[in-house]
Amino acid sequence: MRPSQLLDPADRQRIEAAVIEAERATTGEIVVAVVHASDEYGSAGWRLGVALAVTAFLGLAHFRPELPLLAYLAAQGVALLGGHALARLDPIRRLLLSDDLAELRVRQRAVRAFAENGLSRTRGRTGILVLASLLERRVVVLADEGIHRALDPGESWQELVDLAVAGLRAGRPAEGLLAAVGRCGEILARHLPTDPPRNLDELPNPPLVLED
């Protein structure tokens, strides 16, 4: 399912309103982004295909050893292509991903989105990105240096990640993102309270739907 299908117009409006509300009490600039997948993971399909091809070969060798070589090759070819096709289905592709690879690719996508969408160009360096990657069911929170300087030693954004991921895994991504934005606003208001005469809205409030 694409991000544009998963976040309908009503969800986007709710998230936008939550961002606006959260930013009322802080100079922090919150940006929410959603991407279907952080990588194509093309090798996953071929790995599944090879595994199925080997299984097909061993199965024929055990149950139908009398078949000609051409039949073995045809079965392996079908299994290879079938595995590649099956891996295009999100539930299958998700099962084929290692945790380390998924974590790396989502973080890399978040870093790229942070740069591409100007989060490092706010006046006070107070941009913060909450990126949800749907295929991997992972969320990354990246904050600019102005926010990092204001946090307490050892403080992290894991609570925001947990809230958003819980929504993704429950099939309610908008609810998870809304909870994460609300909590983000509370943390930022404590560390970077608003200065009303100078509190400019420098980054977009509607959630960004990114290309894969």
C-alpha atoms as a PDB file:
ATOM      1  CA  MET A   1       0.000   0.000   0.000  1.00  0.00           C
ATOM      2  CA  ARG A   2       1.330   3.412  -0.954  1.00  0.00           C
ATOM      3  CA  PRO A   3       1.681   6.237   1.589  1.00  0.00           C
ATOM      4  CA  SER A   4      -0.910   8.271  -0.326  1.00  0.00           C
ATOM      5  CA  GLN A   5      -3.380   5.405   0.104  1.00  0.00           C
ATOM      6  CA  LEU A   6      -2.574   4.766   3.741  1.00  0.00           C
ATOM      7  CA  LEU A   7      -2.784   8.406   4.803  1.00  0.00           C
ATOM      8  CA  ASP A   8      -6.066   9.688   3.418  1.00  0.00           C
ATOM      9  CA  PRO A   9      -6.828  13.441   3.178  1.00  0.00           C
ATOM     10  CA  ALA A  10      -8.505  13.446   6.594  1.00  0.00           C
ATOM     11  CA  ASP A  11      -5.440  11.824   8.188  1.00  0.00           C
ATOM     12  CA  ARG A  12      -3.156  14.366   6.571  1.00  0.00           C
ATOM     13  CA  GLN A  13      -5.274  17.223   7.851  1.00  0.00           C
ATOM     14  CA  ARG A  14      -5.226  15.784  11.374  1.00  0.00           C
ATOM     15  CA  ILE A  15      -1.447  15.419  11.307  1.00  0.00           C
ATOM     16  CA  GLU A  16      -1.038  18.938   9.939  1.00  0.00           C
ATOM     17  CA  ALA A  17      -3.245  20.305  12.706  1.00  0.00           C
ATOM     18  CA  ALA A  18      -1.243  18.360  15.298  1.00  0.00           C
ATOM     19  CA  VAL A  19       2.031  19.813  13.987  1.00  0.00           C
ATOM     20  CA  ILE A  20       0.617  23.354  14.097  1.00  0.00           C
ATOM     21  CA  GLU A  21      -0.626  22.826  17.641  1.00  0.00           C
ATOM     22  CA  ALA A  22       2.664  21.299  18.808  1.00  0.00           C
ATOM     23  CA  GLU A  23       4.663  24.191  17.370  1.00  0.00           C
ATOM     24  CA  ARG A  24       2.599  26.845  19.168  1.00  0.00           C
ATOM     25  CA  ALA A  25       4.628  26.354  22.346  1.00  0.00           C
ATOM     26  CA  THR A  26       8.099  25.867  20.846  1.00  0.00           C
ATOM     27  CA  THR A  27      10.578  27.317  18.402  1.00  0.00           C
ATOM     28  CA  GLY A  28      11.156  23.770  17.132  1.00  0.00           C
ATOM     29  CA  GLU A  29      10.036  22.975  13.577  1.00  0.00           C
ATOM     30  CA  ILE A  30       8.413  19.542  13.255  1.00  0.00           C
ATOM     31  CA  VAL A  31       8.205  17.788   9.887  1.00  0.00           C
ATOM     32  CA  VAL A  32       6.420  14.448   9.439  1.00  0.00           C
ATOM     33  CA  ALA A  33       7.320  12.332   6.400  1.00  0.00           C
ATOM     34  CA  VAL A  34       6.011   8.996   5.137  1.00  0.00           C
ATOM     35  CA  VAL A  35       7.605   6.713   2.541  1.00  0.00           C
ATOM     36  CA  HIS A  36       6.399   3.358   1.280  1.00  0.00           C
ATOM     37  CA  ALA A  37       9.853   1.718   1.437  1.00  0.00           C
ATOM     38  CA  SER A  38      13.320   3.071   2.115  1.00  0.00           C
ATOM     39  CA  ASP A  39      14.945   0.834  -0.504  1.00  0.00           C
ATOM     40  CA  GLU A  40      13.921  -1.469  -3.356  1.00  0.00           C
ATOM     41  CA  TYR A  41      15.713  -4.450  -1.766  1.00  0.00           C
ATOM     42  CA  GLY A  42      16.088  -6.002  -5.196  1.00  0.00           C
ATOM     43  CA  SER A  43      18.332  -8.795  -3.949  1.00  0.00           C
ATOM     44  CA  ALA A  44      15.555 -10.142  -1.707  1.00  0.00           C
ATOM     45  CA  GLY A  45      13.578 -11.434  -4.680  1.00  0.00           C
ATOM     46  CA  TRP A  46      16.509 -13.186  -6.230  1.00  0.00           C
ATOM     47  CA  ARG A  47      17.509 -14.751  -2.908  1.00  0.00           C
ATOM     48  CA  LEU A  48      13.993 -16.147  -2.521  1.00  0.00           C
ATOM     49  CA  GLY A  49      14.017 -17.306  -6.131  1.00  0.00           C
ATOM     50  CA  VAL A  50      17.309 -19.163  -5.703  1.00  0.00           C
ATOM     51  CA  ALA A  51      16.029 -20.806  -2.540  1.00  0.00           C
ATOM     52  CA  LEU A  52      12.876 -21.971  -4.330  1.00  0.00           C
ATOM     53  CA  ALA A  53      14.901 -23.150  -7.341  1.00  0.00           C
ATOM     54  CA  VAL A  54      17.129 -25.265  -5.107  1.00  0.00           C
ATOM     55  CA  THR A  55      14.050 -26.653  -3.376  1.00  0.00           C
ATOM     56  CA  ALA A  56      12.500 -27.498  -6.744  1.00  0.00           C
ATOM     57  CA  PHE A  57      15.671 -29.281  -7.881  1.00  0.00           C
ATOM     58  CA  LEU A  58      15.942 -31.319  -4.679  1.00  0.00           C
ATOM     59  CA  GLY A  59      12.238 -32.166  -4.776  1.00  0.00           C
ATOM     60  CA  LEU A  60      12.392 -33.432  -8.343  1.00  0.00           C
ATOM     61  CA  ALA A  61      15.598 -35.316  -7.675  1.00  0.00           C
ATOM     62  CA  HIS A  62      13.934 -37.109  -4.771  1.00  0.00           C
ATOM     63  CA  PHE A  63      10.449 -37.746  -6.166  1.00  0.00           C
ATOM     64  CA  ARG A  64      10.946 -37.723  -9.965  1.00  0.00           C
ATOM     65  CA  PRO A  65      14.561 -38.589 -10.701  1.00  0.00           C
ATOM     66  CA  GLU A  66      13.619 -40.024 -14.098  1.00  0.00           C
ATOM     67  CA  LEU A  67      12.636 -36.656 -15.566  1.00  0.00           C
ATOM     68  CA  PRO A  68      14.885 -35.226 -18.298  1.00  0.00           C
ATOM     69  CA  LEU A  69      17.323 -32.410 -17.573  1.00  0.00           C
ATOM     70  CA  LEU A  70      15.095 -29.970 -19.450  1.00  0.00           C
ATOM     71  CA  ALA A  71      12.307 -30.528 -16.934  1.00  0.00           C
ATOM     72  CA  TYR A  72      14.700 -29.753 -14.077  1.00  0.00           C
ATOM     73  CA  LEU A  73      15.824 -26.543 -15.768  1.00  0.00           C
ATOM     74  CA  ALA A  74      12.226 -25.477 -16.477  1.00  0.00           C
ATOM     75  CA  ALA A  75      11.164 -26.082 -12.887  1.00  0.00           C
ATOM     76  CA  GLN A  76      14.111 -24.110 -11.575  1.00  0.00           C
ATOM     77  CA  GLY A  77      13.386 -21.239 -13.963  1.00  0.00           C
ATOM     78  CA  VAL A  78       9.766 -21.074 -12.866  1.00  0.00           C
ATOM     79  CA  ALA A  79      10.800 -21.191  -9.204  1.00  0.00           C
ATOM     80  CA  LEU A  80      13.376 -18.427  -9.711  1.00  0.00           C
ATOM     81  CA  LEU A  81      10.891 -16.103 -11.411  1.00  0.00           C
ATOM     82  CA  GLY A  82       8.150 -17.025  -8.953  1.00  0.00           C
ATOM     83  CA  GLY A  83      10.350 -16.132  -6.005  1.00  0.00           C
ATOM     84  CA  HIS A  84      11.186 -12.783  -7.556  1.00  0.00           C
ATOM     85  CA  ALA A  85       7.484 -12.076  -8.093  1.00  0.00           C
ATOM     86  CA  LEU A  86       6.499 -13.157  -4.587  1.00  0.00           C
ATOM     87  CA  ALA A  87       9.114 -10.861  -3.073  1.00  0.00           C
ATOM     88  CA  ARG A  88       7.322  -7.868  -4.578  1.00  0.00           C
ATOM     89  CA  LEU A  89       4.498  -8.443  -2.080  1.00  0.00           C
ATOM     90  CA  ASP A  90       5.130  -6.342   1.002  1.00  0.00           C
ATOM     91  CA  PRO A  91       4.441  -9.055   3.627  1.00  0.00           C
ATOM     92  CA  ILE A  92       6.857 -11.429   1.863  1.00  0.00           C
ATOM     93  CA  ARG A  93       9.513  -8.798   1.259  1.00  0.00           C
ATOM     94  CA  ARG A  94       9.311  -7.728   4.891  1.00  0.00           C
ATOM     95  CA  LEU A  95      10.006 -11.296   6.033  1.00  0.00           C
ATOM     96  CA  LEU A  96      13.087 -11.444   3.820  1.00  0.00           C
ATOM     97  CA  LEU A  97      14.706  -8.356   5.341  1.00  0.00           C
ATOM     98  CA  SER A  98      17.224  -8.557   8.125  1.00  0.00           C
ATOM     99  CA  ASP A  99      16.691  -6.142  10.998  1.00  0.00           C
ATOM    100  CA  ASP A 100      20.115  -4.590  10.509  1.00  0.00           C
ATOM    101  CA  LEU A 101      19.594  -3.935   6.796  1.00  0.00           C
ATOM    102  CA  ALA A 102      16.108  -2.481   7.300  1.00  0.00           C
ATOM    103  CA  GLU A 103      17.356  -0.238  10.110  1.00  0.00           C
ATOM    104  CA  LEU A 104      20.265   0.995   7.980  1.00  0.00           C
ATOM    105  CA  ARG A 105      18.166   1.743   4.909  1.00  0.00           C
ATOM    106  CA  VAL A 106      15.464   3.606   6.859  1.00  0.00           C
ATOM    107  CA  ARG A 107      18.068   5.745   8.612  1.00  0.00           C
ATOM    108  CA  GLN A 108      19.753   6.523   5.293  1.00  0.00           C
ATOM    109  CA  ARG A 109      16.387   7.519   3.806  1.00  0.00           C
ATOM    110  CA  ALA A 110      15.715   9.775   6.786  1.00  0.00           C
ATOM    111  CA  VAL A 111      19.096  11.484   6.425  1.00  0.00           C
ATOM    112  CA  ARG A 112      18.383  12.117   2.752  1.00  0.00           C
ATOM    113  CA  ALA A 113      14.897  13.459   3.479  1.00  0.00           C
ATOM    114  CA  PHE A 114      16.317  15.728   6.181  1.00  0.00           C
ATOM    115  CA  ALA A 115      18.703  17.306   3.681  1.00  0.00           C
ATOM    116  CA  GLU A 116      16.319  17.419   0.712  1.00  0.00           C
ATOM    117  CA  ASN A 117      13.538  19.144   2.626  1.00  0.00           C
ATOM    118  CA  GLY A 118      15.567  21.915   4.202  1.00  0.00           C
ATOM    119  CA  LEU A 119      15.452  20.825   7.830  1.00  0.00           C
ATOM    120  CA  SER A 120      19.012  22.009   8.351  1.00  0.00           C
ATOM    121  CA  ARG A 121      18.251  25.503   7.073  1.00  0.00           C
ATOM    122  CA  THR A 122      16.059  26.918   9.840  1.00  0.00           C
ATOM    123  CA  ARG A 123      17.289  30.060  11.540  1.00  0.00           C
ATOM    124  CA  GLY A 124      17.863  28.430  14.924  1.00  0.00           C
ATOM    125  CA  ARG A 125      18.779  24.969  13.544  1.00  0.00           C
ATOM    126  CA  THR A 126      15.652  23.624  15.257  1.00  0.00           C
ATOM    127  CA  GLY A 127      14.220  21.329  12.584  1.00  0.00           C
ATOM    128  CA  ILE A 128      13.145  17.828  13.594  1.00  0.00           C
ATOM    129  CA  LEU A 129      12.055  15.072  11.202  1.00  0.00           C
ATOM    130  CA  VAL A 130       9.774  12.161  12.072  1.00  0.00           C
ATOM    131  CA  LEU A 131      10.024   9.717   9.160  1.00  0.00           C
ATOM    132  CA  ALA A 132       7.882   6.575   8.949  1.00  0.00           C
ATOM    133  CA  SER A 133       8.836   3.870   6.445  1.00  0.00           C
ATOM    134  CA  LEU A 134       5.823   1.643   5.910  1.00  0.00           C
ATOM    135  CA  LEU A 135       7.358  -1.505   4.435  1.00  0.00           C
ATOM    136  CA  GLU A 136       9.926  -1.841   7.203  1.00  0.00           C
ATOM    137  CA  ARG A 137       7.511  -0.616   9.900  1.00  0.00           C
ATOM    138  CA  ARG A 138      10.258   1.570  11.253  1.00  0.00           C
ATOM    139  CA  VAL A 139      10.437   5.200  12.318  1.00  0.00           C
ATOM    140  CA  VAL A 140      13.477   7.457  12.545  1.00  0.00           C
ATOM    141  CA  VAL A 141      13.585  10.794  14.365  1.00  0.00           C
ATOM    142  CA  LEU A 142      16.351  13.196  13.320  1.00  0.00           C
ATOM    143  CA  ALA A 143      16.841  16.547  15.021  1.00  0.00           C
ATOM    144  CA  ASP A 144      19.116  19.418  14.016  1.00  0.00           C
ATOM    145  CA  GLU A 145      21.959  20.671  16.195  1.00  0.00           C
ATOM    146  CA  GLY A 146      19.944  23.456  17.826  1.00  0.00           C
ATOM    147  CA  ILE A 147      17.652  20.840  19.345  1.00  0.00           C
ATOM    148  CA  HIS A 148      20.474  18.507  20.344  1.00  0.00           C
ATOM    149  CA  ARG A 149      22.168  21.301  22.255  1.00  0.00           C
ATOM    150  CA  ALA A 150      18.979  21.914  24.241  1.00  0.00           C
ATOM    151  CA  LEU A 151      18.313  18.291  25.280  1.00  0.00           C
ATOM    152  CA  ASP A 152      19.358  16.859  28.614  1.00  0.00           C
ATOM    153  CA  PRO A 153      22.389  14.519  28.590  1.00  0.00           C
ATOM    154  CA  GLY A 154      21.320  11.036  27.608  1.00  0.00           C
ATOM    155  CA  GLU A 155      17.852  12.143  26.469  1.00  0.00           C
ATOM    156  CA  SER A 156      16.652  10.479  23.265  1.00  0.00           C
ATOM    157  CA  TRP A 157      13.670  10.318  20.948  1.00  0.00           C
ATOM    158  CA  GLN A 158      12.974   6.625  21.531  1.00  0.00           C
ATOM    159  CA  GLU A 159       9.597   7.380  23.098  1.00  0.00           C
ATOM    160  CA  LEU A 160       8.488   9.088  19.869  1.00  0.00           C
ATOM    161  CA  VAL A 161       9.733   6.146  17.812  1.00  0.00           C
ATOM    162  CA  ASP A 162       7.849   3.669  20.011  1.00  0.00           C
ATOM    163  CA  LEU A 163       4.591   5.614  19.717  1.00  0.00           C
ATOM    164  CA  ALA A 164       4.792   5.875  15.933  1.00  0.00           C
ATOM    165  CA  VAL A 165       5.892   2.255  15.418  1.00  0.00           C
ATOM    166  CA  ALA A 166       3.039   1.015  17.583  1.00  0.00           C
ATOM    167  CA  GLY A 167       0.630   2.743  15.214  1.00  0.00           C
ATOM    168  CA  LEU A 168       2.304   1.234  12.140  1.00  0.00           C
ATOM    169  CA  ARG A 169       2.184  -2.291  13.522  1.00  0.00           C
ATOM    170  CA  ALA A 170      -1.435  -1.904  14.576  1.00  0.00           C
ATOM    171  CA  GLY A 171      -2.385  -0.755  11.073  1.00  0.00           C
ATOM    172  CA  ARG A 172      -3.166   2.749  12.368  1.00  0.00           C
ATOM    173  CA  PRO A 173      -0.200   4.830  11.191  1.00  0.00           C
ATOM    174  CA  ALA A 174      -1.987   8.163  11.504  1.00  0.00           C
ATOM    175  CA  GLU A 175      -2.757   7.519  15.172  1.00  0.00           C
ATOM    176  CA  GLY A 176       0.842   6.594  15.871  1.00  0.00           C
ATOM    177  CA  LEU A 177       2.159   9.687  14.126  1.00  0.00           C
ATOM    178  CA  LEU A 178      -0.327  11.914  15.924  1.00  0.00           C
ATOM    179  CA  ALA A 179       0.821  10.539  19.276  1.00  0.00           C
ATOM    180  CA  ALA A 180       4.463  11.025  18.301  1.00  0.00           C
ATOM    181  CA  VAL A 181       3.891  14.612  17.177  1.00  0.00           C
ATOM    182  CA  GLY A 182       2.050  15.452  20.394  1.00  0.00           C
ATOM    183  CA  ARG A 183       4.835  14.055  22.543  1.00  0.00           C
ATOM    184  CA  CYS A 184       7.459  15.766  20.396  1.00  0.00           C
ATOM    185  CA  GLY A 185       5.736  19.091  20.985  1.00  0.00           C
ATOM    186  CA  GLU A 186       5.762  18.532  24.749  1.00  0.00           C
ATOM    187  CA  ILE A 187       9.492  17.766  24.787  1.00  0.00           C
ATOM    188  CA  LEU A 188      10.365  20.709  22.561  1.00  0.00           C
ATOM    189  CA  ALA A 189       8.206  23.107  24.585  1.00  0.00           C
ATOM    190  CA  ARG A 190      10.159  22.157  27.694  1.00  0.00           C
ATOM    191  CA  HIS A 191      13.568  22.658  26.120  1.00  0.00           C
ATOM    192  CA  LEU A 192      12.871  25.276  23.438  1.00  0.00           C
ATOM    193  CA  PRO A 193       9.877  27.346  24.548  1.00  0.00           C
ATOM    194  CA  THR A 194       8.364  29.731  22.065  1.00  0.00           C
ATOM    195  CA  ASP A 195       9.331  33.350  21.693  1.00  0.00           C
ATOM    196  CA  PRO A 196       6.019  34.704  20.277  1.00  0.00           C
ATOM    197  CA  PRO A 197       7.313  37.806  18.482  1.00  0.00           C
ATOM    198  CA  ARG A 198       9.980  35.752  16.689  1.00  0.00           C
ATOM    199  CA  ASN A 199       8.362  32.319  16.327  1.00  0.00           C
ATOM    200  CA  LEU A 200       8.305  31.984  12.539  1.00  0.00           C
ATOM    201  CA  ASP A 201       6.837  28.970  10.744  1.00  0.00           C
ATOM    202  CA  GLU A 202       9.819  28.007   8.572  1.00  0.00           C
ATOM    203  CA  LEU A 203       8.983  24.447   7.481  1.00  0.00           C
ATOM    204  CA  PRO A 204       5.850  22.837   6.003  1.00  0.00           C
ATOM    205  CA  ASN A 205       3.190  21.584   8.409  1.00  0.00           C
ATOM    206  CA  PRO A 206       1.380  19.034   6.176  1.00  0.00           C
ATOM    207  CA  PRO A 207       2.979  15.556   6.220  1.00  0.00           C
ATOM    208  CA  LEU A 208       5.334  14.881   3.331  1.00  0.00           C
ATOM    209  CA  VAL A 209       4.617  11.825   1.181  1.00  0.00           C
ATOM    210  CA  LEU A 210       8.001  10.866  -0.244  1.00  0.00           C
ATOM    211  CA  GLU A 211       8.894   8.853  -3.307  1.00  0.00           C
ATOM    212  CA  ASP A 212      10.549   5.493  -2.690  1.00  0.00           C
END
